[in-house]
């Protein structure tokens, strides 16, 4: 069970986290979780480039180690990097110190002020510890979840999820992963075309 649009109550419960940007400007923030990996991340980069669009990639440290050349392309092509832990840990089920160590291991590779908790699951105690050690850290959640990771979801439905729920200042989540690829390769180019035709700009966090 997952929600395409982040509910108000969740934003209220975690007010210090970033759920969206200003609604006053026609800017959309596309984000990609769980990479970098060959082929899928390469497809995303090629597609973004064809629309002169930039995005933010929340990377798993283990994938950076395995695929350094793909990771290098992200920064070489002007995209932003975020920390997504080294092993994609679920905060709710992880001891705080283990979680922080895993964050730090990824941080050594990403050197960024952006962090997205895997699964969007993080304890308030983990937030407090991260903020204490990294005062400039921005913990980024999302406004719109595409659902591309859902292998039971039709590609067209994934596309509709995105265009129906995305507006000014939205932070939209896609996944550059093998699991998501069938829906991603259908949805991403169509969504980029749709929003460009609507006059939106694609920003980085």
C-alpha atoms as a PDB file:
ATOM      1  CA  UNK A   1       0.000   0.000   0.000  1.00  0.00           C
ATOM      2  CA  UNK A   2       1.377   3.399  -0.989  1.00  0.00           C
ATOM      3  CA  UNK A   3      -0.021   6.839  -1.669  1.00  0.00           C
ATOM      4  CA  UNK A   4       0.707   8.684  -4.902  1.00  0.00           C
ATOM      5  CA  UNK A   5       0.229  12.103  -3.301  1.00  0.00           C
ATOM      6  CA  UNK A   6       1.840  12.716   0.071  1.00  0.00           C
ATOM      7  CA  UNK A   7      -0.970  13.474   2.547  1.00  0.00           C
ATOM      8  CA  UNK A   8      -1.176  16.635   4.622  1.00  0.00           C
ATOM      9  CA  UNK A   9      -1.062  14.714   7.916  1.00  0.00           C
ATOM     10  CA  UNK A  10       2.278  13.148   7.061  1.00  0.00           C
ATOM     11  CA  UNK A  11       3.713  16.541   6.174  1.00  0.00           C
ATOM     12  CA  UNK A  12       2.315  17.903   9.429  1.00  0.00           C
ATOM     13  CA  UNK A  13       3.925  15.094  11.464  1.00  0.00           C
ATOM     14  CA  UNK A  14       7.339  15.687   9.840  1.00  0.00           C
ATOM     15  CA  UNK A  15       7.342  19.467   9.315  1.00  0.00           C
ATOM     16  CA  UNK A  16      11.142  19.784   9.244  1.00  0.00           C
ATOM     17  CA  UNK A  17      11.461  17.580   6.168  1.00  0.00           C
ATOM     18  CA  UNK A  18      11.236  18.878   2.603  1.00  0.00           C
ATOM     19  CA  UNK A  19       8.088  17.664   0.842  1.00  0.00           C
ATOM     20  CA  UNK A  20       7.838  20.233  -1.930  1.00  0.00           C
ATOM     21  CA  UNK A  21       9.253  23.544  -3.021  1.00  0.00           C
ATOM     22  CA  UNK A  22       7.524  26.869  -3.562  1.00  0.00           C
ATOM     23  CA  UNK A  23       4.167  26.683  -5.326  1.00  0.00           C
ATOM     24  CA  UNK A  24       4.692  30.172  -6.756  1.00  0.00           C
ATOM     25  CA  UNK A  25       6.848  29.036  -9.675  1.00  0.00           C
ATOM     26  CA  UNK A  26       6.254  26.612 -12.545  1.00  0.00           C
ATOM     27  CA  UNK A  27       9.171  24.392 -11.581  1.00  0.00           C
ATOM     28  CA  UNK A  28       9.083  20.610 -11.114  1.00  0.00           C
ATOM     29  CA  UNK A  29      11.795  18.669  -9.306  1.00  0.00           C
ATOM     30  CA  UNK A  30      12.341  15.217 -10.759  1.00  0.00           C
ATOM     31  CA  UNK A  31      14.208  12.833  -8.467  1.00  0.00           C
ATOM     32  CA  UNK A  32      15.533   9.312  -9.017  1.00  0.00           C
ATOM     33  CA  UNK A  33      16.185   6.798  -6.242  1.00  0.00           C
ATOM     34  CA  UNK A  34      18.263   3.643  -5.843  1.00  0.00           C
ATOM     35  CA  UNK A  35      20.859   3.977  -8.630  1.00  0.00           C
ATOM     36  CA  UNK A  36      23.249   4.364 -10.189  1.00  0.00           C
ATOM     37  CA  UNK A  37      23.187   1.228 -12.324  1.00  0.00           C
ATOM     38  CA  UNK A  38      24.138   0.571 -15.957  1.00  0.00           C
ATOM     39  CA  UNK A  39      21.513   0.770 -18.692  1.00  0.00           C
ATOM     40  CA  UNK A  40      18.676   2.144 -16.536  1.00  0.00           C
ATOM     41  CA  UNK A  41      20.545   5.208 -15.231  1.00  0.00           C
ATOM     42  CA  UNK A  42      22.051   5.627 -18.700  1.00  0.00           C
ATOM     43  CA  UNK A  43      18.527   5.658 -20.162  1.00  0.00           C
ATOM     44  CA  UNK A  44      17.457   8.311 -17.654  1.00  0.00           C
ATOM     45  CA  UNK A  45      20.462  10.495 -18.457  1.00  0.00           C
ATOM     46  CA  UNK A  46      19.905  10.203 -22.193  1.00  0.00           C
ATOM     47  CA  UNK A  47      16.203  11.023 -21.826  1.00  0.00           C
ATOM     48  CA  UNK A  48      16.819  14.011 -19.560  1.00  0.00           C
ATOM     49  CA  UNK A  49      19.464  15.326 -21.938  1.00  0.00           C
ATOM     50  CA  UNK A  50      17.073  15.123 -24.894  1.00  0.00           C
ATOM     51  CA  UNK A  51      14.771  17.530 -23.032  1.00  0.00           C
ATOM     52  CA  UNK A  52      17.605  19.698 -21.624  1.00  0.00           C
ATOM     53  CA  UNK A  53      16.307  18.728 -18.162  1.00  0.00           C
ATOM     54  CA  UNK A  54      18.211  18.400 -14.906  1.00  0.00           C
ATOM     55  CA  UNK A  55      17.296  16.170 -11.968  1.00  0.00           C
ATOM     56  CA  UNK A  56      18.419  15.006  -8.535  1.00  0.00           C
ATOM     57  CA  UNK A  57      19.670  11.459  -7.999  1.00  0.00           C
ATOM     58  CA  UNK A  58      19.499   9.889  -4.540  1.00  0.00           C
ATOM     59  CA  UNK A  59      22.186   7.238  -4.797  1.00  0.00           C
ATOM     60  CA  UNK A  60      22.850   4.057  -2.861  1.00  0.00           C
ATOM     61  CA  UNK A  61      26.474   3.911  -1.791  1.00  0.00           C
ATOM     62  CA  UNK A  62      26.886   0.254  -2.707  1.00  0.00           C
ATOM     63  CA  UNK A  63      25.783   1.031  -6.262  1.00  0.00           C
ATOM     64  CA  UNK A  64      28.248   3.914  -6.473  1.00  0.00           C
ATOM     65  CA  UNK A  65      31.068   1.534  -5.522  1.00  0.00           C
ATOM     66  CA  UNK A  66      29.903  -1.047  -8.060  1.00  0.00           C
ATOM     67  CA  UNK A  67      29.305   1.422 -10.908  1.00  0.00           C
ATOM     68  CA  UNK A  68      31.656   4.419 -10.488  1.00  0.00           C
ATOM     69  CA  UNK A  69      31.613   5.294 -14.190  1.00  0.00           C
ATOM     70  CA  UNK A  70      27.822   5.613 -14.217  1.00  0.00           C
ATOM     71  CA  UNK A  71      27.943   7.702 -11.031  1.00  0.00           C
ATOM     72  CA  UNK A  72      30.519  10.019 -12.581  1.00  0.00           C
ATOM     73  CA  UNK A  73      28.159  10.733 -15.477  1.00  0.00           C
ATOM     74  CA  UNK A  74      25.586  12.176 -13.075  1.00  0.00           C
ATOM     75  CA  UNK A  75      27.834  15.003 -11.945  1.00  0.00           C
ATOM     76  CA  UNK A  76      29.536  15.395 -15.326  1.00  0.00           C
ATOM     77  CA  UNK A  77      26.124  16.109 -16.874  1.00  0.00           C
ATOM     78  CA  UNK A  78      25.157  18.675 -14.233  1.00  0.00           C
ATOM     79  CA  UNK A  79      22.729  16.753 -12.048  1.00  0.00           C
ATOM     80  CA  UNK A  80      22.511  16.928  -8.242  1.00  0.00           C
ATOM     81  CA  UNK A  81      23.473  14.039  -5.987  1.00  0.00           C
ATOM     82  CA  UNK A  82      21.743  12.951  -2.791  1.00  0.00           C
ATOM     83  CA  UNK A  83      22.581  10.350  -0.128  1.00  0.00           C
ATOM     84  CA  UNK A  84      20.217   7.330   0.023  1.00  0.00           C
ATOM     85  CA  UNK A  85      22.260   5.316   2.584  1.00  0.00           C
ATOM     86  CA  UNK A  86      24.854   2.727   1.602  1.00  0.00           C
ATOM     87  CA  UNK A  87      22.582  -0.320   1.754  1.00  0.00           C
ATOM     88  CA  UNK A  88      19.041   1.107   1.352  1.00  0.00           C
ATOM     89  CA  UNK A  89      18.167   0.714   5.003  1.00  0.00           C
ATOM     90  CA  UNK A  90      14.644   1.116   6.338  1.00  0.00           C
ATOM     91  CA  UNK A  91      14.946   3.494   9.277  1.00  0.00           C
ATOM     92  CA  UNK A  92      11.925   2.209  11.183  1.00  0.00           C
ATOM     93  CA  UNK A  93      13.513  -1.245  11.433  1.00  0.00           C
ATOM     94  CA  UNK A  94      17.131  -0.199  11.976  1.00  0.00           C
ATOM     95  CA  UNK A  95      19.019   0.703  15.135  1.00  0.00           C
ATOM     96  CA  UNK A  96      19.839   4.400  15.127  1.00  0.00           C
ATOM     97  CA  UNK A  97      23.615   4.000  15.312  1.00  0.00           C
ATOM     98  CA  UNK A  98      23.626   1.389  12.542  1.00  0.00           C
ATOM     99  CA  UNK A  99      21.500   3.741  10.427  1.00  0.00           C
ATOM    100  CA  UNK A 100      23.843   6.672  11.002  1.00  0.00           C
ATOM    101  CA  UNK A 101      26.906   4.600  10.203  1.00  0.00           C
ATOM    102  CA  UNK A 102      25.310   3.501   6.954  1.00  0.00           C
ATOM    103  CA  UNK A 103      24.457   7.114   6.134  1.00  0.00           C
ATOM    104  CA  UNK A 104      28.041   8.182   6.831  1.00  0.00           C
ATOM    105  CA  UNK A 105      29.452   5.413   4.643  1.00  0.00           C
ATOM    106  CA  UNK A 106      27.394   6.722   1.724  1.00  0.00           C
ATOM    107  CA  UNK A 107      28.197  10.328   2.612  1.00  0.00           C
ATOM    108  CA  UNK A 108      31.897   9.656   2.093  1.00  0.00           C
ATOM    109  CA  UNK A 109      31.043   8.926  -1.537  1.00  0.00           C
ATOM    110  CA  UNK A 110      28.350  11.520  -2.193  1.00  0.00           C
ATOM    111  CA  UNK A 111      29.552  14.506  -0.126  1.00  0.00           C
ATOM    112  CA  UNK A 112      26.151  16.177  -0.364  1.00  0.00           C
ATOM    113  CA  UNK A 113      23.737  18.142   1.818  1.00  0.00           C
ATOM    114  CA  UNK A 114      20.747  16.179   0.456  1.00  0.00           C
ATOM    115  CA  UNK A 115      19.392  12.973   1.988  1.00  0.00           C
ATOM    116  CA  UNK A 116      16.340  10.878   1.248  1.00  0.00           C
ATOM    117  CA  UNK A 117      15.441   8.079   3.674  1.00  0.00           C
ATOM    118  CA  UNK A 118      14.870   4.803   1.809  1.00  0.00           C
ATOM    119  CA  UNK A 119      11.157   3.915   1.699  1.00  0.00           C
ATOM    120  CA  UNK A 120      10.524   7.333   3.278  1.00  0.00           C
ATOM    121  CA  UNK A 121      10.853   5.580   6.645  1.00  0.00           C
ATOM    122  CA  UNK A 122      12.883   7.420   9.263  1.00  0.00           C
ATOM    123  CA  UNK A 123      12.522   7.801  13.038  1.00  0.00           C
ATOM    124  CA  UNK A 124      12.431  11.226  14.642  1.00  0.00           C
ATOM    125  CA  UNK A 125      15.442  10.157  16.731  1.00  0.00           C
ATOM    126  CA  UNK A 126      17.372   9.462  13.512  1.00  0.00           C
ATOM    127  CA  UNK A 127      16.392  12.850  12.126  1.00  0.00           C
ATOM    128  CA  UNK A 128      17.627  14.526  15.305  1.00  0.00           C
ATOM    129  CA  UNK A 129      20.958  12.662  15.241  1.00  0.00           C
ATOM    130  CA  UNK A 130      21.555  13.470  11.579  1.00  0.00           C
ATOM    131  CA  UNK A 131      20.737  17.138  12.098  1.00  0.00           C
ATOM    132  CA  UNK A 132      23.061  17.310  15.098  1.00  0.00           C
ATOM    133  CA  UNK A 133      25.991  15.894  13.150  1.00  0.00           C
ATOM    134  CA  UNK A 134      25.137  17.554   9.819  1.00  0.00           C
ATOM    135  CA  UNK A 135      23.451  20.927  10.548  1.00  0.00           C
ATOM    136  CA  UNK A 136      23.145  21.821   6.845  1.00  0.00           C
ATOM    137  CA  UNK A 137      21.533  18.530   5.852  1.00  0.00           C
ATOM    138  CA  UNK A 138      18.241  18.771   3.965  1.00  0.00           C
ATOM    139  CA  UNK A 139      16.108  15.652   4.373  1.00  0.00           C
ATOM    140  CA  UNK A 140      14.012  15.340   1.230  1.00  0.00           C
ATOM    141  CA  UNK A 141      10.778  13.390   0.990  1.00  0.00           C
ATOM    142  CA  UNK A 142       8.353  13.892  -1.919  1.00  0.00           C
ATOM    143  CA  UNK A 143       5.112  15.370  -3.119  1.00  0.00           C
ATOM    144  CA  UNK A 144       4.342  12.759  -5.792  1.00  0.00           C
ATOM    145  CA  UNK A 145       5.287   9.065  -5.908  1.00  0.00           C
ATOM    146  CA  UNK A 146       5.116   7.761  -9.469  1.00  0.00           C
ATOM    147  CA  UNK A 147       4.621   4.139  -8.432  1.00  0.00           C
ATOM    148  CA  UNK A 148       7.135   2.959 -11.051  1.00  0.00           C
ATOM    149  CA  UNK A 149       8.502   0.398  -8.577  1.00  0.00           C
ATOM    150  CA  UNK A 150       5.113  -1.373  -8.524  1.00  0.00           C
ATOM    151  CA  UNK A 151       5.404  -4.289 -10.940  1.00  0.00           C
ATOM    152  CA  UNK A 152       1.616  -4.745 -10.934  1.00  0.00           C
ATOM    153  CA  UNK A 153       1.103  -1.178 -12.165  1.00  0.00           C
ATOM    154  CA  UNK A 154       0.479  -0.637 -15.872  1.00  0.00           C
ATOM    155  CA  UNK A 155       2.913   1.813 -17.501  1.00  0.00           C
ATOM    156  CA  UNK A 156       0.056   4.077 -18.606  1.00  0.00           C
ATOM    157  CA  UNK A 157      -1.276   4.205 -15.040  1.00  0.00           C
ATOM    158  CA  UNK A 158       2.173   5.200 -13.830  1.00  0.00           C
ATOM    159  CA  UNK A 159       2.200   8.030 -16.357  1.00  0.00           C
ATOM    160  CA  UNK A 160      -1.262   9.166 -15.276  1.00  0.00           C
ATOM    161  CA  UNK A 161      -0.173   9.112 -11.631  1.00  0.00           C
ATOM    162  CA  UNK A 162       2.523  11.642 -12.456  1.00  0.00           C
ATOM    163  CA  UNK A 163       0.656  14.061 -14.694  1.00  0.00           C
ATOM    164  CA  UNK A 164      -2.501  14.126 -12.570  1.00  0.00           C
ATOM    165  CA  UNK A 165      -0.781  14.903  -9.267  1.00  0.00           C
ATOM    166  CA  UNK A 166       2.189  17.074 -10.259  1.00  0.00           C
ATOM    167  CA  UNK A 167       2.100  20.869 -10.163  1.00  0.00           C
ATOM    168  CA  UNK A 168       4.186  23.875  -9.186  1.00  0.00           C
ATOM    169  CA  UNK A 169       6.998  22.999  -6.788  1.00  0.00           C
ATOM    170  CA  UNK A 170       6.325  19.261  -6.804  1.00  0.00           C
ATOM    171  CA  UNK A 171       9.097  16.841  -5.900  1.00  0.00           C
ATOM    172  CA  UNK A 172       8.436  13.716  -7.973  1.00  0.00           C
ATOM    173  CA  UNK A 173       9.975  10.293  -7.296  1.00  0.00           C
ATOM    174  CA  UNK A 174      11.093   7.875  -9.976  1.00  0.00           C
ATOM    175  CA  UNK A 175      13.491   4.936  -9.583  1.00  0.00           C
ATOM    176  CA  UNK A 176      16.480   4.185 -11.806  1.00  0.00           C
ATOM    177  CA  UNK A 177      16.273   0.484 -10.981  1.00  0.00           C
ATOM    178  CA  UNK A 178      15.670  -2.720 -12.933  1.00  0.00           C
ATOM    179  CA  UNK A 179      12.455  -3.302 -10.996  1.00  0.00           C
ATOM    180  CA  UNK A 180      11.021   0.013 -12.190  1.00  0.00           C
ATOM    181  CA  UNK A 181      12.413   0.070 -15.701  1.00  0.00           C
ATOM    182  CA  UNK A 182       9.333  -1.089 -17.651  1.00  0.00           C
ATOM    183  CA  UNK A 183       7.229   1.740 -16.205  1.00  0.00           C
ATOM    184  CA  UNK A 184      10.069   4.270 -16.135  1.00  0.00           C
ATOM    185  CA  UNK A 185      10.966   3.929 -19.817  1.00  0.00           C
ATOM    186  CA  UNK A 186       7.308   4.465 -20.747  1.00  0.00           C
ATOM    187  CA  UNK A 187       6.515   7.272 -18.332  1.00  0.00           C
ATOM    188  CA  UNK A 188       9.615   9.461 -18.190  1.00  0.00           C
ATOM    189  CA  UNK A 189       9.810  10.682 -21.798  1.00  0.00           C
ATOM    190  CA  UNK A 190       6.048  11.200 -21.973  1.00  0.00           C
ATOM    191  CA  UNK A 191       5.994  13.120 -18.686  1.00  0.00           C
ATOM    192  CA  UNK A 192       8.911  15.307 -19.755  1.00  0.00           C
ATOM    193  CA  UNK A 193       7.139  16.112 -23.024  1.00  0.00           C
ATOM    194  CA  UNK A 194       3.836  16.799 -21.265  1.00  0.00           C
ATOM    195  CA  UNK A 195       5.272  19.157 -18.672  1.00  0.00           C
ATOM    196  CA  UNK A 196       7.507  20.953 -21.133  1.00  0.00           C
ATOM    197  CA  UNK A 197       4.451  21.582 -23.315  1.00  0.00           C
ATOM    198  CA  UNK A 198       2.711  23.003 -20.210  1.00  0.00           C
ATOM    199  CA  UNK A 199       5.567  25.484 -19.745  1.00  0.00           C
ATOM    200  CA  UNK A 200       7.254  23.880 -16.739  1.00  0.00           C
ATOM    201  CA  UNK A 201      10.959  24.066 -15.964  1.00  0.00           C
ATOM    202  CA  UNK A 202      12.802  21.090 -14.473  1.00  0.00           C
ATOM    203  CA  UNK A 203      14.889  22.112 -11.473  1.00  0.00           C
ATOM    204  CA  UNK A 204      17.396  20.443  -9.157  1.00  0.00           C
ATOM    205  CA  UNK A 205      17.144  20.429  -5.380  1.00  0.00           C
END
